Amino acid sequence: MSDEVARLKMQIARLEAAALNKEVEETSAEVLLARLQATGDVSQLYTFRSLDKKLRLLNCAEQIGSPDAVLSVVLFMQETLAPQVFFQAVKSVS
């Protein structure tokens, strides 16, 4: 029984860490885009590797309402995604 309790505690800890990480990622997208607007430095965009994270970044840029931020994210996505994936992603957002 204690092995089961230990396993469940470990699973709870992993889920809590994943939830915290998701909150940090969403906040970091906003912070990153604010820095992008202030400095024009796009190098930090490369920390967003998965398609899901790139789409969240694009949605965040749209919410900010800055054409420069949206363009920077779209160009970043075009550079880092396969052409077919990029066009599907752009179609799904528009």
N, C-alpha and C. Protein backbone atom coordinates (compact mmCIF):
# COMPACT_ATOMS: atom_id res chain seq x y z
N MET A 1 0.83 -1.19 0.00
CA MET A 1 0.00 0.00 0.00
C MET A 1 0.87 1.26 0.00
N SER A 2 1.98 1.25 0.73
CA SER A 2 2.83 2.45 0.79
C SER A 2 3.51 2.73 -0.55
N ASP A 3 3.75 1.67 -1.35
CA ASP A 3 4.31 1.88 -2.69
C ASP A 3 3.31 2.63 -3.57
N GLU A 4 2.05 2.28 -3.43
CA GLU A 4 1.00 2.95 -4.20
C GLU A 4 0.89 4.42 -3.79
N VAL A 5 0.96 4.69 -2.51
CA VAL A 5 0.91 6.07 -2.02
C VAL A 5 2.11 6.86 -2.53
N ALA A 6 3.28 6.29 -2.49
CA ALA A 6 4.48 6.96 -2.99
C ALA A 6 4.37 7.24 -4.48
N ARG A 7 3.85 6.28 -5.23
CA ARG A 7 3.68 6.46 -6.67
C ARG A 7 2.70 7.59 -6.96
N LEU A 8 1.60 7.64 -6.22
CA LEU A 8 0.61 8.70 -6.42
C LEU A 8 1.16 10.07 -6.04
N LYS A 9 1.95 10.12 -4.98
CA LYS A 9 2.57 11.39 -4.59
C LYS A 9 3.52 11.88 -5.68
N MET A 10 4.28 10.96 -6.28
CA MET A 10 5.19 11.33 -7.36
C MET A 10 4.41 11.85 -8.56
N GLN A 11 3.30 11.19 -8.87
CA GLN A 11 2.47 11.60 -10.01
C GLN A 11 1.88 12.99 -9.75
N ILE A 12 1.43 13.25 -8.54
CA ILE A 12 0.90 14.57 -8.18
C ILE A 12 1.98 15.63 -8.33
N ALA A 13 3.17 15.34 -7.87
CA ALA A 13 4.28 16.29 -7.97
C ALA A 13 4.59 16.60 -9.43
N ARG A 14 4.60 15.58 -10.30
CA ARG A 14 4.86 15.80 -11.74
C ARG A 14 3.78 16.65 -12.37
N LEU A 15 2.52 16.39 -12.02
CA LEU A 15 1.42 17.17 -12.58
C LEU A 15 1.47 18.62 -12.12
N GLU A 16 1.81 18.84 -10.84
CA GLU A 16 1.93 20.20 -10.34
C GLU A 16 3.06 20.94 -11.05
N ALA A 17 4.18 20.27 -11.27
CA ALA A 17 5.31 20.87 -11.97
C ALA A 17 4.94 21.20 -13.41
N ALA A 18 4.21 20.32 -14.08
CA ALA A 18 3.78 20.56 -15.46
C ALA A 18 2.83 21.76 -15.53
N ALA A 19 1.92 21.86 -14.57
CA ALA A 19 1.00 23.00 -14.54
C ALA A 19 1.75 24.30 -14.31
N LEU A 20 2.72 24.29 -13.41
CA LEU A 20 3.53 25.48 -13.16
C LEU A 20 4.32 25.85 -14.40
N ASN A 21 4.89 24.88 -15.07
CA ASN A 21 5.66 25.12 -16.28
C ASN A 21 4.79 25.74 -17.37
N LYS A 22 3.55 25.28 -17.50
CA LYS A 22 2.64 25.84 -18.51
C LYS A 22 2.35 27.30 -18.20
N GLU A 23 2.13 27.64 -16.93
CA GLU A 23 1.88 29.03 -16.55
C GLU A 23 3.09 29.90 -16.87
N VAL A 24 4.29 29.39 -16.61
CA VAL A 24 5.51 30.14 -16.88
C VAL A 24 5.67 30.36 -18.37
N GLU A 25 5.37 29.34 -19.19
CA GLU A 25 5.49 29.48 -20.64
C GLU A 25 4.56 30.55 -21.17
N GLU A 26 3.31 30.57 -20.69
CA GLU A 26 2.36 31.55 -21.16
C GLU A 26 2.80 32.96 -20.77
N THR A 27 3.29 33.11 -19.56
CA THR A 27 3.79 34.40 -19.13
C THR A 27 5.03 34.78 -19.92
N SER A 28 5.91 33.82 -20.15
CA SER A 28 7.14 34.14 -20.84
C SER A 28 6.89 34.58 -22.27
N ALA A 29 5.82 34.10 -22.90
CA ALA A 29 5.49 34.55 -24.25
C ALA A 29 5.17 36.04 -24.24
N GLU A 30 4.41 36.46 -23.25
CA GLU A 30 4.08 37.88 -23.14
C GLU A 30 5.32 38.72 -22.85
N VAL A 31 6.14 38.24 -21.95
CA VAL A 31 7.37 38.97 -21.60
C VAL A 31 8.30 39.02 -22.80
N LEU A 32 8.44 37.90 -23.48
CA LEU A 32 9.31 37.84 -24.65
C LEU A 32 8.85 38.80 -25.73
N LEU A 33 7.56 38.86 -25.98
CA LEU A 33 7.05 39.77 -27.00
C LEU A 33 7.21 41.23 -26.59
N ALA A 34 7.10 41.51 -25.30
CA ALA A 34 7.36 42.88 -24.84
C ALA A 34 8.82 43.25 -25.08
N ARG A 35 9.73 42.32 -24.80
CA ARG A 35 11.15 42.56 -25.07
C ARG A 35 11.40 42.72 -26.57
N LEU A 36 10.72 41.91 -27.36
CA LEU A 36 10.86 41.98 -28.81
C LEU A 36 10.46 43.37 -29.31
N GLN A 37 9.36 43.89 -28.78
CA GLN A 37 8.92 45.22 -29.18
C GLN A 37 9.91 46.29 -28.74
N ALA A 38 10.48 46.10 -27.57
CA ALA A 38 11.40 47.12 -27.04
C ALA A 38 12.77 47.09 -27.71
N THR A 39 13.26 45.90 -27.99
CA THR A 39 14.64 45.78 -28.48
C THR A 39 14.76 45.33 -29.93
N GLY A 40 13.73 44.66 -30.44
CA GLY A 40 13.80 44.12 -31.79
C GLY A 40 14.61 42.84 -31.88
N ASP A 41 15.03 42.29 -30.75
CA ASP A 41 15.84 41.07 -30.71
C ASP A 41 14.95 39.84 -30.84
N VAL A 42 15.06 39.12 -31.95
CA VAL A 42 14.23 37.94 -32.19
C VAL A 42 14.89 36.64 -31.75
N SER A 43 16.09 36.70 -31.23
CA SER A 43 16.82 35.47 -30.91
C SER A 43 16.11 34.62 -29.85
N GLN A 44 15.38 35.23 -28.94
CA GLN A 44 14.71 34.46 -27.90
C GLN A 44 13.49 33.70 -28.42
N LEU A 45 13.03 34.02 -29.62
CA LEU A 45 11.91 33.28 -30.20
C LEU A 45 12.29 31.81 -30.37
N TYR A 46 13.56 31.54 -30.54
CA TYR A 46 14.02 30.17 -30.80
C TYR A 46 13.87 29.25 -29.59
N THR A 47 13.47 29.79 -28.44
CA THR A 47 13.18 28.93 -27.29
C THR A 47 11.82 28.24 -27.45
N PHE A 48 11.00 28.73 -28.39
CA PHE A 48 9.69 28.13 -28.65
C PHE A 48 9.87 27.12 -29.76
N ARG A 49 9.95 25.85 -29.41
CA ARG A 49 10.30 24.82 -30.39
C ARG A 49 9.12 24.03 -30.93
N SER A 50 8.14 23.76 -30.11
CA SER A 50 7.03 22.93 -30.58
C SER A 50 6.02 23.79 -31.34
N LEU A 51 5.26 23.14 -32.19
CA LEU A 51 4.23 23.84 -32.96
C LEU A 51 3.22 24.48 -32.02
N ASP A 52 2.82 23.77 -30.99
CA ASP A 52 1.84 24.30 -30.03
C ASP A 52 2.35 25.58 -29.39
N LYS A 53 3.61 25.60 -28.98
CA LYS A 53 4.18 26.79 -28.35
C LYS A 53 4.28 27.94 -29.35
N LYS A 54 4.60 27.62 -30.59
CA LYS A 54 4.69 28.66 -31.62
C LYS A 54 3.31 29.25 -31.90
N LEU A 55 2.29 28.41 -31.91
CA LEU A 55 0.94 28.92 -32.11
C LEU A 55 0.48 29.78 -30.94
N ARG A 56 0.83 29.39 -29.73
CA ARG A 56 0.51 30.23 -28.56
C ARG A 56 1.23 31.56 -28.64
N LEU A 57 2.47 31.53 -29.11
CA LEU A 57 3.23 32.76 -29.27
C LEU A 57 2.56 33.67 -30.30
N LEU A 58 2.11 33.11 -31.40
CA LEU A 58 1.42 33.87 -32.43
C LEU A 58 0.12 34.45 -31.89
N ASN A 59 -0.64 33.66 -31.15
CA ASN A 59 -1.88 34.17 -30.55
C ASN A 59 -1.61 35.31 -29.59
N CYS A 60 -0.56 35.19 -28.82
CA CYS A 60 -0.18 36.25 -27.89
C CYS A 60 0.20 37.53 -28.65
N ALA A 61 0.94 37.38 -29.74
CA ALA A 61 1.33 38.53 -30.56
C ALA A 61 0.09 39.21 -31.15
N GLU A 62 -0.89 38.41 -31.56
CA GLU A 62 -2.14 38.98 -32.09
C GLU A 62 -2.89 39.74 -31.01
N GLN A 63 -2.91 39.20 -29.80
CA GLN A 63 -3.62 39.85 -28.70
C GLN A 63 -2.97 41.18 -28.34
N ILE A 64 -1.65 41.25 -28.44
CA ILE A 64 -0.95 42.51 -28.16
C ILE A 64 -1.35 43.56 -29.19
N GLY A 65 -1.56 43.11 -30.42
CA GLY A 65 -2.00 44.02 -31.46
C GLY A 65 -0.88 44.76 -32.16
N SER A 66 0.34 44.28 -32.02
CA SER A 66 1.47 44.92 -32.67
C SER A 66 1.77 44.23 -34.00
N PRO A 67 1.63 44.95 -35.11
CA PRO A 67 1.95 44.33 -36.41
C PRO A 67 3.39 43.84 -36.48
N ASP A 68 4.32 44.55 -35.86
CA ASP A 68 5.72 44.14 -35.87
C ASP A 68 5.92 42.81 -35.15
N ALA A 69 5.25 42.64 -34.01
CA ALA A 69 5.37 41.39 -33.25
C ALA A 69 4.76 40.24 -34.04
N VAL A 70 3.61 40.46 -34.65
CA VAL A 70 2.96 39.40 -35.44
C VAL A 70 3.85 39.02 -36.61
N LEU A 71 4.38 40.01 -37.31
CA LEU A 71 5.25 39.73 -38.45
C LEU A 71 6.50 38.97 -38.02
N SER A 72 7.10 39.37 -36.92
CA SER A 72 8.30 38.68 -36.43
C SER A 72 8.01 37.22 -36.12
N VAL A 73 6.86 36.95 -35.48
CA VAL A 73 6.51 35.58 -35.13
C VAL A 73 6.19 34.77 -36.39
N VAL A 74 5.48 35.36 -37.34
CA VAL A 74 5.15 34.65 -38.58
C VAL A 74 6.43 34.31 -39.34
N LEU A 75 7.35 35.25 -39.44
CA LEU A 75 8.62 34.98 -40.13
C LEU A 75 9.43 33.92 -39.40
N PHE A 76 9.41 33.96 -38.08
CA PHE A 76 10.08 32.94 -37.28
C PHE A 76 9.47 31.56 -37.55
N MET A 77 8.14 31.50 -37.58
CA MET A 77 7.47 30.23 -37.84
C MET A 77 7.78 29.73 -39.25
N GLN A 78 7.81 30.63 -40.22
CA GLN A 78 8.11 30.24 -41.59
C GLN A 78 9.52 29.66 -41.69
N GLU A 79 10.43 30.23 -40.92
CA GLU A 79 11.82 29.78 -40.96
C GLU A 79 12.02 28.44 -40.25
N THR A 80 11.23 28.18 -39.23
CA THR A 80 11.50 27.02 -38.37
C THR A 80 10.55 25.84 -38.58
N LEU A 81 9.51 26.02 -39.38
CA LEU A 81 8.58 24.93 -39.63
C LEU A 81 8.70 24.44 -41.08
N ALA A 82 8.38 23.20 -41.29
CA ALA A 82 8.31 22.68 -42.65
C ALA A 82 7.23 23.45 -43.40
N PRO A 83 7.42 23.68 -44.70
CA PRO A 83 6.45 24.50 -45.44
C PRO A 83 5.00 24.04 -45.30
N GLN A 84 4.75 22.74 -45.40
CA GLN A 84 3.37 22.23 -45.28
C GLN A 84 2.80 22.53 -43.89
N VAL A 85 3.59 22.34 -42.86
CA VAL A 85 3.15 22.60 -41.48
C VAL A 85 2.90 24.09 -41.29
N PHE A 86 3.79 24.91 -41.83
CA PHE A 86 3.63 26.36 -41.72
C PHE A 86 2.32 26.81 -42.35
N PHE A 87 2.04 26.36 -43.56
CA PHE A 87 0.83 26.80 -44.25
C PHE A 87 -0.43 26.30 -43.54
N GLN A 88 -0.39 25.10 -42.99
CA GLN A 88 -1.52 24.60 -42.22
C GLN A 88 -1.73 25.44 -40.96
N ALA A 89 -0.62 25.80 -40.30
CA ALA A 89 -0.71 26.60 -39.08
C ALA A 89 -1.28 27.98 -39.38
N VAL A 90 -0.84 28.59 -40.46
CA VAL A 90 -1.34 29.92 -40.82
C VAL A 90 -2.82 29.85 -41.17
N LYS A 91 -3.22 28.81 -41.88
CA LYS A 91 -4.63 28.65 -42.23
C LYS A 91 -5.49 28.46 -40.98
N SER A 92 -4.97 27.73 -40.01
CA SER A 92 -5.77 27.46 -38.80
C SER A 92 -5.93 28.70 -37.95
N VAL A 93 -4.99 29.62 -38.02
CA VAL A 93 -5.07 30.84 -37.21
C VAL A 93 -5.97 31.87 -37.87
N SER A 94 -5.93 31.97 -39.18
CA SER A 94 -6.70 33.02 -39.87
C SER A 94 -8.16 32.71 -39.98
